[in-house]
Amino acid sequence: MEGLSSFYQKHFEFVRQDGSSADKIILASPSGGCSLVILQASKGHRVGQSTVKIVFDVEDVAAFKETQACHGLEFGTIHHGPGYQFANARDPAKNLIQISNSYLAE
């Protein structure tokens, strides 16, 4: 949990909040968007089993990808949609994450 918390603080500037405890870490978005709550997975949970993807809006996908690569976070190929771009990666717990400018383009 601590490693995952550090990952989101380092790469996405989330801030650890009061109310965090040994079994729950609360991280607030720097932009005032949604928070992340990191909980210990159950014993039966398999790594990579999650069916969610966390999408982060960024102004410039290529620039964000390049900056994060310097900090050890490698995103895959930049894909292009009608009027937007996105790239995918996985966090340390193997959850799918994506950077995109699709919502900013609307």
PDB file of N, CA and C in Angstrom:
ATOM      1  N   MET A   1       0.824  -1.191   0.000  1.00  0.00           N
ATOM      2  CA  MET A   1       0.000   0.000   0.000  1.00  0.00           C
ATOM      3  C   MET A   1       0.870   1.257   0.000  1.00  0.00           C
ATOM      4  N   GLU A   2       1.923   1.238   0.794  1.00  0.00           N
ATOM      5  CA  GLU A   2       2.793   2.419   0.859  1.00  0.00           C
ATOM      6  C   GLU A   2       3.466   2.687  -0.483  1.00  0.00           C
ATOM      7  N   GLY A   3       3.901   1.607  -1.147  1.00  0.00           N
ATOM      8  CA  GLY A   3       4.530   1.762  -2.454  1.00  0.00           C
ATOM      9  C   GLY A   3       3.579   2.333  -3.486  1.00  0.00           C
ATOM     10  N   LEU A   4       2.343   1.884  -3.450  1.00  0.00           N
ATOM     11  CA  LEU A   4       1.324   2.386  -4.365  1.00  0.00           C
ATOM     12  C   LEU A   4       1.013   3.849  -4.071  1.00  0.00           C
ATOM     13  N   SER A   5       0.930   4.180  -2.794  1.00  0.00           N
ATOM     14  CA  SER A   5       0.703   5.560  -2.394  1.00  0.00           C
ATOM     15  C   SER A   5       1.841   6.456  -2.897  1.00  0.00           C
ATOM     16  N   SER A   6       3.063   6.014  -2.703  1.00  0.00           N
ATOM     17  CA  SER A   6       4.228   6.790  -3.158  1.00  0.00           C
ATOM     18  C   SER A   6       4.209   6.979  -4.670  1.00  0.00           C
ATOM     19  N   PHE A   7       3.795   5.951  -5.404  1.00  0.00           N
ATOM     20  CA  PHE A   7       3.710   6.017  -6.860  1.00  0.00           C
ATOM     21  C   PHE A   7       2.780   7.148  -7.300  1.00  0.00           C
ATOM     22  N   TYR A   8       1.578   7.206  -6.736  1.00  0.00           N
ATOM     23  CA  TYR A   8       0.609   8.226  -7.143  1.00  0.00           C
ATOM     24  C   TYR A   8       1.011   9.621  -6.650  1.00  0.00           C
ATOM     25  N   GLN A   9       1.708   9.694  -5.548  1.00  0.00           N
ATOM     26  CA  GLN A   9       2.207  10.981  -5.086  1.00  0.00           C
ATOM     27  C   GLN A   9       3.323  11.484  -6.007  1.00  0.00           C
ATOM     28  N   LYS A  10       4.220  10.593  -6.387  1.00  0.00           N
ATOM     29  CA  LYS A  10       5.361  10.963  -7.221  1.00  0.00           C
ATOM     30  C   LYS A  10       4.951  11.322  -8.648  1.00  0.00           C
ATOM     31  N   HIS A  11       4.164  10.477  -9.272  1.00  0.00           N
ATOM     32  CA  HIS A  11       3.881  10.656 -10.698  1.00  0.00           C
ATOM     33  C   HIS A  11       2.656  11.516 -11.002  1.00  0.00           C
ATOM     34  N   PHE A  12       1.713  11.599 -10.073  1.00  0.00           N
ATOM     35  CA  PHE A  12       0.479  12.344 -10.341  1.00  0.00           C
ATOM     36  C   PHE A  12       0.191  13.428  -9.303  1.00  0.00           C
ATOM     37  N   GLU A  13       1.137  13.668  -8.404  1.00  0.00           N
ATOM     38  CA  GLU A  13       1.079  14.753  -7.417  1.00  0.00           C
ATOM     39  C   GLU A  13      -0.080  14.656  -6.433  1.00  0.00           C
ATOM     40  N   PHE A  14      -0.577  13.436  -6.194  1.00  0.00           N
ATOM     41  CA  PHE A  14      -1.610  13.268  -5.177  1.00  0.00           C
ATOM     42  C   PHE A  14      -1.022  13.563  -3.809  1.00  0.00           C
ATOM     43  N   VAL A  15      -1.870  13.973  -2.882  1.00  0.00           N
ATOM     44  CA  VAL A  15      -1.443  14.358  -1.534  1.00  0.00           C
ATOM     45  C   VAL A  15      -2.119  13.444  -0.522  1.00  0.00           C
ATOM     46  N   ARG A  16      -1.317  12.872   0.364  1.00  0.00           N
ATOM     47  CA  ARG A  16      -1.862  11.998   1.405  1.00  0.00           C
ATOM     48  C   ARG A  16      -2.697  12.825   2.378  1.00  0.00           C
ATOM     49  N   GLN A  17      -3.859  12.309   2.725  1.00  0.00           N
ATOM     50  CA  GLN A  17      -4.816  13.045   3.544  1.00  0.00           C
ATOM     51  C   GLN A  17      -4.901  12.510   4.961  1.00  0.00           C
ATOM     52  N   ASP A  18      -5.355  13.381   5.864  1.00  0.00           N
ATOM     53  CA  ASP A  18      -5.694  12.942   7.213  1.00  0.00           C
ATOM     54  C   ASP A  18      -6.782  11.888   7.092  1.00  0.00           C
ATOM     55  N   GLY A  19      -6.794  10.967   8.000  1.00  0.00           N
ATOM     56  CA  GLY A  19      -7.770   9.886   7.942  1.00  0.00           C
ATOM     57  C   GLY A  19      -7.154   8.613   7.383  1.00  0.00           C
ATOM     58  N   SER A  20      -5.938   8.730   6.835  1.00  0.00           N
ATOM     59  CA  SER A  20      -5.232   7.541   6.384  1.00  0.00           C
ATOM     60  C   SER A  20      -4.839   6.727   7.604  1.00  0.00           C
ATOM     61  N   SER A  21      -4.765   5.424   7.436  1.00  0.00           N
ATOM     62  CA  SER A  21      -4.423   4.538   8.544  1.00  0.00           C
ATOM     63  C   SER A  21      -3.620   3.358   8.012  1.00  0.00           C
ATOM     64  N   ALA A  22      -3.352   2.389   8.863  1.00  0.00           N
ATOM     65  CA  ALA A  22      -2.571   1.217   8.453  1.00  0.00           C
ATOM     66  C   ALA A  22      -3.282   0.402   7.380  1.00  0.00           C
ATOM     67  N   ASP A  23      -4.621   0.437   7.349  1.00  0.00           N
ATOM     68  CA  ASP A  23      -5.352  -0.372   6.374  1.00  0.00           C
ATOM     69  C   ASP A  23      -6.065   0.461   5.309  1.00  0.00           C
ATOM     70  N   LYS A  24      -5.821   1.778   5.285  1.00  0.00           N
ATOM     71  CA  LYS A  24      -6.481   2.646   4.299  1.00  0.00           C
ATOM     72  C   LYS A  24      -5.641   3.905   4.103  1.00  0.00           C
ATOM     73  N   ILE A  25      -5.295   4.192   2.856  1.00  0.00           N
ATOM     74  CA  ILE A  25      -4.563   5.419   2.538  1.00  0.00           C
ATOM     75  C   ILE A  25      -5.446   6.247   1.616  1.00  0.00           C
ATOM     76  N   ILE A  26      -5.679   7.495   1.993  1.00  0.00           N
ATOM     77  CA  ILE A  26      -6.512   8.407   1.216  1.00  0.00           C
ATOM     78  C   ILE A  26      -5.601   9.429   0.542  1.00  0.00           C
ATOM     79  N   LEU A  27      -5.729   9.538  -0.778  1.00  0.00           N
ATOM     80  CA  LEU A  27      -4.933  10.485  -1.546  1.00  0.00           C
ATOM     81  C   LEU A  27      -5.862  11.454  -2.267  1.00  0.00           C
ATOM     82  N   ALA A  28      -5.585  12.740  -2.135  1.00  0.00           N
ATOM     83  CA  ALA A  28      -6.403  13.770  -2.787  1.00  0.00           C
ATOM     84  C   ALA A  28      -5.732  14.229  -4.070  1.00  0.00           C
ATOM     85  N   SER A  29      -6.556  14.506  -5.064  1.00  0.00           N
ATOM     86  CA  SER A  29      -6.077  15.006  -6.343  1.00  0.00           C
ATOM     87  C   SER A  29      -5.566  16.436  -6.183  1.00  0.00           C
ATOM     88  N   PRO A  30      -4.466  16.776  -6.851  1.00  0.00           N
ATOM     89  CA  PRO A  30      -3.965  18.147  -6.763  1.00  0.00           C
ATOM     90  C   PRO A  30      -4.889  19.154  -7.441  1.00  0.00           C
ATOM     91  N   SER A  31      -5.753  18.680  -8.341  1.00  0.00           N
ATOM     92  CA  SER A  31      -6.648  19.581  -9.065  1.00  0.00           C
ATOM     93  C   SER A  31      -8.014  19.701  -8.409  1.00  0.00           C
ATOM     94  N   GLY A  32      -8.205  18.973  -7.300  1.00  0.00           N
ATOM     95  CA  GLY A  32      -9.498  19.000  -6.640  1.00  0.00           C
ATOM     96  C   GLY A  32     -10.467  17.980  -7.209  1.00  0.00           C
ATOM     97  N   GLY A  33      -9.985  17.120  -8.110  1.00  0.00           N
ATOM     98  CA  GLY A  33     -10.818  16.065  -8.675  1.00  0.00           C
ATOM     99  C   GLY A  33     -11.035  14.956  -7.657  1.00  0.00           C
ATOM    100  N   CYS A  34     -11.319  13.778  -8.145  1.00  0.00           N
ATOM    101  CA  CYS A  34     -11.620  12.666  -7.246  1.00  0.00           C
ATOM    102  C   CYS A  34     -10.386  12.238  -6.463  1.00  0.00           C
ATOM    103  N   SER A  35     -10.646  11.622  -5.337  1.00  0.00           N
ATOM    104  CA  SER A  35      -9.583  11.090  -4.490  1.00  0.00           C
ATOM    105  C   SER A  35      -9.381   9.620  -4.790  1.00  0.00           C
ATOM    106  N   LEU A  36      -8.225   9.117  -4.420  1.00  0.00           N
ATOM    107  CA  LEU A  36      -7.952   7.685  -4.492  1.00  0.00           C
ATOM    108  C   LEU A  36      -7.903   7.150  -3.072  1.00  0.00           C
ATOM    109  N   VAL A  37      -8.509   6.003  -2.858  1.00  0.00           N
ATOM    110  CA  VAL A  37      -8.428   5.326  -1.574  1.00  0.00           C
ATOM    111  C   VAL A  37      -7.748   3.994  -1.837  1.00  0.00           C
ATOM    112  N   ILE A  38      -6.625   3.788  -1.193  1.00  0.00           N
ATOM    113  CA  ILE A  38      -5.864   2.558  -1.381  1.00  0.00           C
ATOM    114  C   ILE A  38      -6.144   1.645  -0.196  1.00  0.00           C
ATOM    115  N   LEU A  39      -6.657   0.463  -0.518  1.00  0.00           N
ATOM    116  CA  LEU A  39      -6.983  -0.538   0.497  1.00  0.00           C
ATOM    117  C   LEU A  39      -6.168  -1.793   0.230  1.00  0.00           C
ATOM    118  N   GLN A  40      -5.923  -2.563   1.269  1.00  0.00           N
ATOM    119  CA  GLN A  40      -5.243  -3.837   1.103  1.00  0.00           C
ATOM    120  C   GLN A  40      -6.159  -4.801   0.360  1.00  0.00           C
ATOM    121  N   ALA A  41      -5.642  -5.449  -0.665  1.00  0.00           N
ATOM    122  CA  ALA A  41      -6.440  -6.422  -1.423  1.00  0.00           C
ATOM    123  C   ALA A  41      -6.713  -7.645  -0.558  1.00  0.00           C
ATOM    124  N   SER A  42      -7.818  -8.300  -0.836  1.00  0.00           N
ATOM    125  CA  SER A  42      -8.152  -9.525  -0.102  1.00  0.00           C
ATOM    126  C   SER A  42      -7.161 -10.625  -0.465  1.00  0.00           C
ATOM    127  N   LYS A  43      -7.073 -11.633   0.356  1.00  0.00           N
ATOM    128  CA  LYS A  43      -6.132 -12.726   0.124  1.00  0.00           C
ATOM    129  C   LYS A  43      -6.426 -13.462  -1.174  1.00  0.00           C
ATOM    130  N   GLY A  44      -7.681 -13.508  -1.596  1.00  0.00           N
ATOM    131  CA  GLY A  44      -8.054 -14.203  -2.818  1.00  0.00           C
ATOM    132  C   GLY A  44      -7.847 -13.396  -4.092  1.00  0.00           C
ATOM    133  N   HIS A  45      -7.524 -12.123  -3.959  1.00  0.00           N
ATOM    134  CA  HIS A  45      -7.351 -11.251  -5.123  1.00  0.00           C
ATOM    135  C   HIS A  45      -6.040 -11.579  -5.833  1.00  0.00           C
ATOM    136  N   ARG A  46      -6.121 -11.752  -7.138  1.00  0.00           N
ATOM    137  CA  ARG A  46      -4.914 -12.003  -7.924  1.00  0.00           C
ATOM    138  C   ARG A  46      -4.422 -10.694  -8.525  1.00  0.00           C
ATOM    139  N   VAL A  47      -3.113 -10.524  -8.577  1.00  0.00           N
ATOM    140  CA  VAL A  47      -2.514  -9.327  -9.152  1.00  0.00           C
ATOM    141  C   VAL A  47      -2.969  -9.177 -10.595  1.00  0.00           C
ATOM    142  N   GLY A  48      -3.370  -7.958 -10.968  1.00  0.00           N
ATOM    143  CA  GLY A  48      -3.822  -7.681 -12.319  1.00  0.00           C
ATOM    144  C   GLY A  48      -5.266  -8.076 -12.583  1.00  0.00           C
ATOM    145  N   GLN A  49      -5.978  -8.512 -11.552  1.00  0.00           N
ATOM    146  CA  GLN A  49      -7.347  -8.989 -11.695  1.00  0.00           C
ATOM    147  C   GLN A  49      -8.356  -7.853 -11.846  1.00  0.00           C
ATOM    148  N   SER A  50      -8.001  -6.656 -11.499  1.00  0.00           N
ATOM    149  CA  SER A  50      -8.929  -5.527 -11.507  1.00  0.00           C
ATOM    150  C   SER A  50      -9.517  -5.290 -12.894  1.00  0.00           C
ATOM    151  N   THR A  51     -10.730  -4.779 -12.924  1.00  0.00           N
ATOM    152  CA  THR A  51     -11.392  -4.493 -14.192  1.00  0.00           C
ATOM    153  C   THR A  51     -11.659  -3.001 -14.363  1.00  0.00           C
ATOM    154  N   VAL A  52     -10.854  -2.188 -13.711  1.00  0.00           N
ATOM    155  CA  VAL A  52     -11.000  -0.744 -13.852  1.00  0.00           C
ATOM    156  C   VAL A  52      -9.738  -0.175 -14.501  1.00  0.00           C
ATOM    157  N   LYS A  53      -9.899   0.975 -15.105  1.00  0.00           N
ATOM    158  CA  LYS A  53      -8.761   1.721 -15.624  1.00  0.00           C
ATOM    159  C   LYS A  53      -8.885   3.127 -15.063  1.00  0.00           C
ATOM    160  N   ILE A  54      -7.821   3.624 -14.488  1.00  0.00           N
ATOM    161  CA  ILE A  54      -7.810   4.978 -13.944  1.00  0.00           C
ATOM    162  C   ILE A  54      -7.241   5.885 -15.028  1.00  0.00           C
ATOM    163  N   VAL A  55      -8.027   6.885 -15.431  1.00  0.00           N
ATOM    164  CA  VAL A  55      -7.617   7.792 -16.503  1.00  0.00           C
ATOM    165  C   VAL A  55      -7.311   9.157 -15.904  1.00  0.00           C
ATOM    166  N   PHE A  56      -6.132   9.666 -16.255  1.00  0.00           N
ATOM    167  CA  PHE A  56      -5.707  10.989 -15.796  1.00  0.00           C
ATOM    168  C   PHE A  56      -5.682  11.932 -16.989  1.00  0.00           C
ATOM    169  N   ASP A  57      -6.383  13.061 -16.857  1.00  0.00           N
ATOM    170  CA  ASP A  57      -6.355  14.095 -17.891  1.00  0.00           C
ATOM    171  C   ASP A  57      -5.050  14.867 -17.782  1.00  0.00           C
ATOM    172  N   VAL A  58      -4.379  15.019 -18.899  1.00  0.00           N
ATOM    173  CA  VAL A  58      -3.156  15.821 -18.959  1.00  0.00           C
ATOM    174  C   VAL A  58      -3.259  16.738 -20.173  1.00  0.00           C
ATOM    175  N   GLU A  59      -2.618  17.878 -20.100  1.00  0.00           N
ATOM    176  CA  GLU A  59      -2.661  18.836 -21.212  1.00  0.00           C
ATOM    177  C   GLU A  59      -1.959  18.284 -22.449  1.00  0.00           C
ATOM    178  N   ASP A  60      -0.762  17.722 -22.244  1.00  0.00           N
ATOM    179  CA  ASP A  60       0.082  17.273 -23.352  1.00  0.00           C
ATOM    180  C   ASP A  60       0.543  15.852 -23.064  1.00  0.00           C
ATOM    181  N   VAL A  61      -0.039  14.877 -23.749  1.00  0.00           N
ATOM    182  CA  VAL A  61       0.251  13.466 -23.495  1.00  0.00           C
ATOM    183  C   VAL A  61       1.730  13.159 -23.724  1.00  0.00           C
ATOM    184  N   ALA A  62       2.289  13.616 -24.831  1.00  0.00           N
ATOM    185  CA  ALA A  62       3.695  13.326 -25.154  1.00  0.00           C
ATOM    186  C   ALA A  62       4.637  13.927 -24.116  1.00  0.00           C
ATOM    187  N   ALA A  63       4.394  15.159 -23.710  1.00  0.00           N
ATOM    188  CA  ALA A  63       5.263  15.808 -22.727  1.00  0.00           C
ATOM    189  C   ALA A  63       5.164  15.122 -21.365  1.00  0.00           C
ATOM    190  N   PHE A  64       3.937  14.768 -20.944  1.00  0.00           N
ATOM    191  CA  PHE A  64       3.757  14.091 -19.661  1.00  0.00           C
ATOM    192  C   PHE A  64       4.451  12.731 -19.700  1.00  0.00           C
ATOM    193  N   LYS A  65       4.284  12.016 -20.792  1.00  0.00           N
ATOM    194  CA  LYS A  65       4.910  10.700 -20.951  1.00  0.00           C
ATOM    195  C   LYS A  65       6.429  10.817 -20.858  1.00  0.00           C
ATOM    196  N   GLU A  66       7.002  11.799 -21.516  1.00  0.00           N
ATOM    197  CA  GLU A  66       8.451  12.007 -21.498  1.00  0.00           C
ATOM    198  C   GLU A  66       8.951  12.367 -20.101  1.00  0.00           C
ATOM    199  N   THR A  67       8.239  13.259 -19.429  1.00  0.00           N
ATOM    200  CA  THR A  67       8.632  13.659 -18.077  1.00  0.00           C
ATOM    201  C   THR A  67       8.591  12.477 -17.124  1.00  0.00           C
ATOM    202  N   GLN A  68       7.528  11.688 -17.192  1.00  0.00           N
ATOM    203  CA  GLN A  68       7.400  10.553 -16.273  1.00  0.00           C
ATOM    204  C   GLN A  68       8.415   9.452 -16.578  1.00  0.00           C
ATOM    205  N   ALA A  69       8.800   9.292 -17.840  1.00  0.00           N
ATOM    206  CA  ALA A  69       9.836   8.308 -18.188  1.00  0.00           C
ATOM    207  C   ALA A  69      11.140   8.645 -17.470  1.00  0.00           C
ATOM    208  N   CYS A  70      11.432   9.933 -17.318  1.00  0.00           N
ATOM    209  CA  CYS A  70      12.631  10.357 -16.584  1.00  0.00           C
ATOM    210  C   CYS A  70      12.545   9.981 -15.104  1.00  0.00           C
ATOM    211  N   HIS A  71      11.325   9.773 -14.606  1.00  0.00           N
ATOM    212  CA  HIS A  71      11.099   9.402 -13.204  1.00  0.00           C
ATOM    213  C   HIS A  71      10.797   7.912 -13.048  1.00  0.00           C
ATOM    214  N   GLY A  72      10.953   7.138 -14.131  1.00  0.00           N
ATOM    215  CA  GLY A  72      10.800   5.700 -14.043  1.00  0.00           C
ATOM    216  C   GLY A  72       9.439   5.128 -14.395  1.00  0.00           C
ATOM    217  N   LEU A  73       8.505   5.944 -14.851  1.00  0.00           N
ATOM    218  CA  LEU A  73       7.189   5.451 -15.250  1.00  0.00           C
ATOM    219  C   LEU A  73       7.111   5.434 -16.769  1.00  0.00           C
ATOM    220  N   GLU A  74       7.046   4.244 -17.340  1.00  0.00           N
ATOM    221  CA  GLU A  74       7.018   4.077 -18.788  1.00  0.00           C
ATOM    222  C   GLU A  74       5.589   3.841 -19.283  1.00  0.00           C
ATOM    223  N   PHE A  75       5.115   4.733 -20.115  1.00  0.00           N
ATOM    224  CA  PHE A  75       3.832   4.554 -20.791  1.00  0.00           C
ATOM    225  C   PHE A  75       4.091   3.921 -22.154  1.00  0.00           C
ATOM    226  N   GLY A  76       3.093   3.234 -22.689  1.00  0.00           N
ATOM    227  CA  GLY A  76       3.213   2.621 -24.000  1.00  0.00           C
ATOM    228  C   GLY A  76       3.059   3.649 -25.109  1.00  0.00           C
ATOM    229  N   THR A  77       2.825   3.145 -26.287  1.00  0.00           N
ATOM    230  CA  THR A  77       2.656   3.960 -27.486  1.00  0.00           C
ATOM    231  C   THR A  77       1.529   4.971 -27.311  1.00  0.00           C
ATOM    232  N   ILE A  78       1.718   6.152 -27.855  1.00  0.00           N
ATOM    233  CA  ILE A  78       0.644   7.153 -27.863  1.00  0.00           C
ATOM    234  C   ILE A  78      -0.315   6.799 -28.998  1.00  0.00           C
ATOM    235  N   HIS A  79      -1.574   6.624 -28.642  1.00  0.00           N
ATOM    236  CA  HIS A  79      -2.625   6.317 -29.614  1.00  0.00           C
ATOM    237  C   HIS A  79      -3.409   7.601 -29.902  1.00  0.00           C
ATOM    238  N   HIS A  80      -3.955   7.678 -31.098  1.00  0.00           N
ATOM    239  CA  HIS A  80      -4.683   8.876 -31.520  1.00  0.00           C
ATOM    240  C   HIS A  80      -6.136   8.533 -31.815  1.00  0.00           C
ATOM    241  N   GLY A  81      -7.035   9.329 -31.231  1.00  0.00           N
ATOM    242  CA  GLY A  81      -8.453   9.239 -31.516  1.00  0.00           C
ATOM    243  C   GLY A  81      -8.874  10.528 -32.190  1.00  0.00           C
ATOM    244  N   PRO A  82     -10.139  10.672 -32.489  1.00  0.00           N
ATOM    245  CA  PRO A  82     -10.598  11.914 -33.135  1.00  0.00           C
ATOM    246  C   PRO A  82     -10.468  13.113 -32.188  1.00  0.00           C
ATOM    247  N   GLY A  83      -9.395  13.853 -32.335  1.00  0.00           N
ATOM    248  CA  GLY A  83      -9.184  15.061 -31.538  1.00  0.00           C
ATOM    249  C   GLY A  83      -8.535  14.833 -30.187  1.00  0.00           C
ATOM    250  N   TYR A  84      -8.025  13.642 -29.918  1.00  0.00           N
ATOM    251  CA  TYR A  84      -7.366  13.393 -28.636  1.00  0.00           C
ATOM    252  C   TYR A  84      -6.298  12.316 -28.772  1.00  0.00           C
ATOM    253  N   GLN A  85      -5.486  12.205 -27.725  1.00  0.00           N
ATOM    254  CA  GLN A  85      -4.422  11.203 -27.647  1.00  0.00           C
ATOM    255  C   GLN A  85      -4.499  10.507 -26.297  1.00  0.00           C
ATOM    256  N   PHE A  86      -3.930   9.292 -26.228  1.00  0.00           N
ATOM    257  CA  PHE A  86      -3.836   8.604 -24.950  1.00  0.00           C
ATOM    258  C   PHE A  86      -2.698   7.592 -24.987  1.00  0.00           C
ATOM    259  N   ALA A  87      -2.222   7.226 -23.794  1.00  0.00           N
ATOM    260  CA  ALA A  87      -1.195   6.199 -23.637  1.00  0.00           C
ATOM    261  C   ALA A  87      -1.486   5.447 -22.345  1.00  0.00           C
ATOM    262  N   ASN A  88      -1.123   4.179 -22.322  1.00  0.00           N
ATOM    263  CA  ASN A  88      -1.439   3.308 -21.187  1.00  0.00           C
ATOM    264  C   ASN A  88      -0.184   2.826 -20.457  1.00  0.00           C
ATOM    265  N   ALA A  89      -0.377   2.473 -19.195  1.00  0.00           N
ATOM    266  CA  ALA A  89       0.677   1.888 -18.361  1.00  0.00           C
ATOM    267  C   ALA A  89      -0.008   1.092 -17.253  1.00  0.00           C
ATOM    268  N   ARG A  90       0.783   0.566 -16.355  1.00  0.00           N
ATOM    269  CA  ARG A  90       0.262  -0.104 -15.158  1.00  0.00           C
ATOM    270  C   ARG A  90       0.976   0.465 -13.948  1.00  0.00           C
ATOM    271  N   ASP A  91       0.235   0.564 -12.854  1.00  0.00           N
ATOM    272  CA  ASP A  91       0.853   1.017 -11.613  1.00  0.00           C
ATOM    273  C   ASP A  91       1.556  -0.180 -10.947  1.00  0.00           C
ATOM    274  N   PRO A  92       2.220   0.021  -9.809  1.00  0.00           N
ATOM    275  CA  PRO A  92       2.940  -1.085  -9.172  1.00  0.00           C
ATOM    276  C   PRO A  92       2.064  -2.268  -8.765  1.00  0.00           C
ATOM    277  N   ALA A  93       0.755  -2.053  -8.590  1.00  0.00           N
ATOM    278  CA  ALA A  93      -0.161  -3.142  -8.254  1.00  0.00           C
ATOM    279  C   ALA A  93      -0.771  -3.760  -9.512  1.00  0.00           C
ATOM    280  N   LYS A  94      -0.274  -3.365 -10.685  1.00  0.00           N
ATOM    281  CA  LYS A  94      -0.721  -3.867 -11.990  1.00  0.00           C
ATOM    282  C   LYS A  94      -2.099  -3.371 -12.405  1.00  0.00           C
ATOM    283  N   ASN A  95      -2.593  -2.296 -11.768  1.00  0.00           N
ATOM    284  CA  ASN A  95      -3.844  -1.668 -12.201  1.00  0.00           C
ATOM    285  C   ASN A  95      -3.576  -0.905 -13.495  1.00  0.00           C
ATOM    286  N   LEU A  96      -4.544  -0.931 -14.408  1.00  0.00           N
ATOM    287  CA  LEU A  96      -4.407  -0.180 -15.647  1.00  0.00           C
ATOM    288  C   LEU A  96      -4.560   1.313 -15.370  1.00  0.00           C
ATOM    289  N   ILE A  97      -3.647   2.092 -15.936  1.00  0.00           N
ATOM    290  CA  ILE A  97      -3.752   3.553 -15.852  1.00  0.00           C
ATOM    291  C   ILE A  97      -3.564   4.117 -17.252  1.00  0.00           C
ATOM    292  N   GLN A  98      -4.116   5.290 -17.473  1.00  0.00           N
ATOM    293  CA  GLN A  98      -4.029   5.919 -18.781  1.00  0.00           C
ATOM    294  C   GLN A  98      -3.877   7.428 -18.595  1.00  0.00           C
ATOM    295  N   ILE A  99      -3.085   8.026 -19.472  1.00  0.00           N
ATOM    296  CA  ILE A  99      -3.045   9.485 -19.579  1.00  0.00           C
ATOM    297  C   ILE A  99      -3.732   9.838 -20.880  1.00  0.00           C
ATOM    298  N   SER A 100      -4.520  10.894 -20.860  1.00  0.00           N
ATOM    299  CA  SER A 100      -5.312  11.261 -22.029  1.00  0.00           C
ATOM    300  C   SER A 100      -5.625  12.746 -22.002  1.00  0.00           C
ATOM    301  N   ASN A 101      -5.787  13.310 -23.161  1.00  0.00           N
ATOM    302  CA  ASN A 101      -6.281  14.680 -23.238  1.00  0.00           C
ATOM    303  C   ASN A 101      -7.683  14.707 -23.841  1.00  0.00           C
ATOM    304  N   SER A 102      -8.371  13.541 -23.797  1.00  0.00           N
ATOM    305  CA  SER A 102      -9.693  13.434 -24.419  1.00  0.00           C
ATOM    306  C   SER A 102     -10.746  14.283 -23.729  1.00  0.00           C
ATOM    307  N   TYR A 103     -10.721  14.334 -22.406  1.00  0.00           N
ATOM    308  CA  TYR A 103     -11.741  15.103 -21.697  1.00  0.00           C
ATOM    309  C   TYR A 103     -11.446  16.584 -21.726  1.00  0.00           C
ATOM    310  N   LEU A 104     -10.176  16.940 -21.856  1.00  0.00           N
ATOM    311  CA  LEU A 104      -9.808  18.342 -21.963  1.00  0.00           C
ATOM    312  C   LEU A 104     -10.136  18.889 -23.346  1.00  0.00           C
ATOM    313  N   ALA A 105     -10.219  17.997 -24.345  1.00  0.00           N
ATOM    314  CA  ALA A 105     -10.492  18.413 -25.722  1.00  0.00           C
ATOM    315  C   ALA A 105     -11.969  18.744 -25.943  1.00  0.00           C
ATOM    316  N   GLU A 106     -12.838  18.284 -25.041  1.00  0.00           N
ATOM    317  CA  GLU A 106     -14.278  18.507 -25.231  1.00  0.00           C
ATOM    318  C   GLU A 106     -14.665  19.945 -24.984  1.00  0.00           C
TER     319      GLU A 106
END
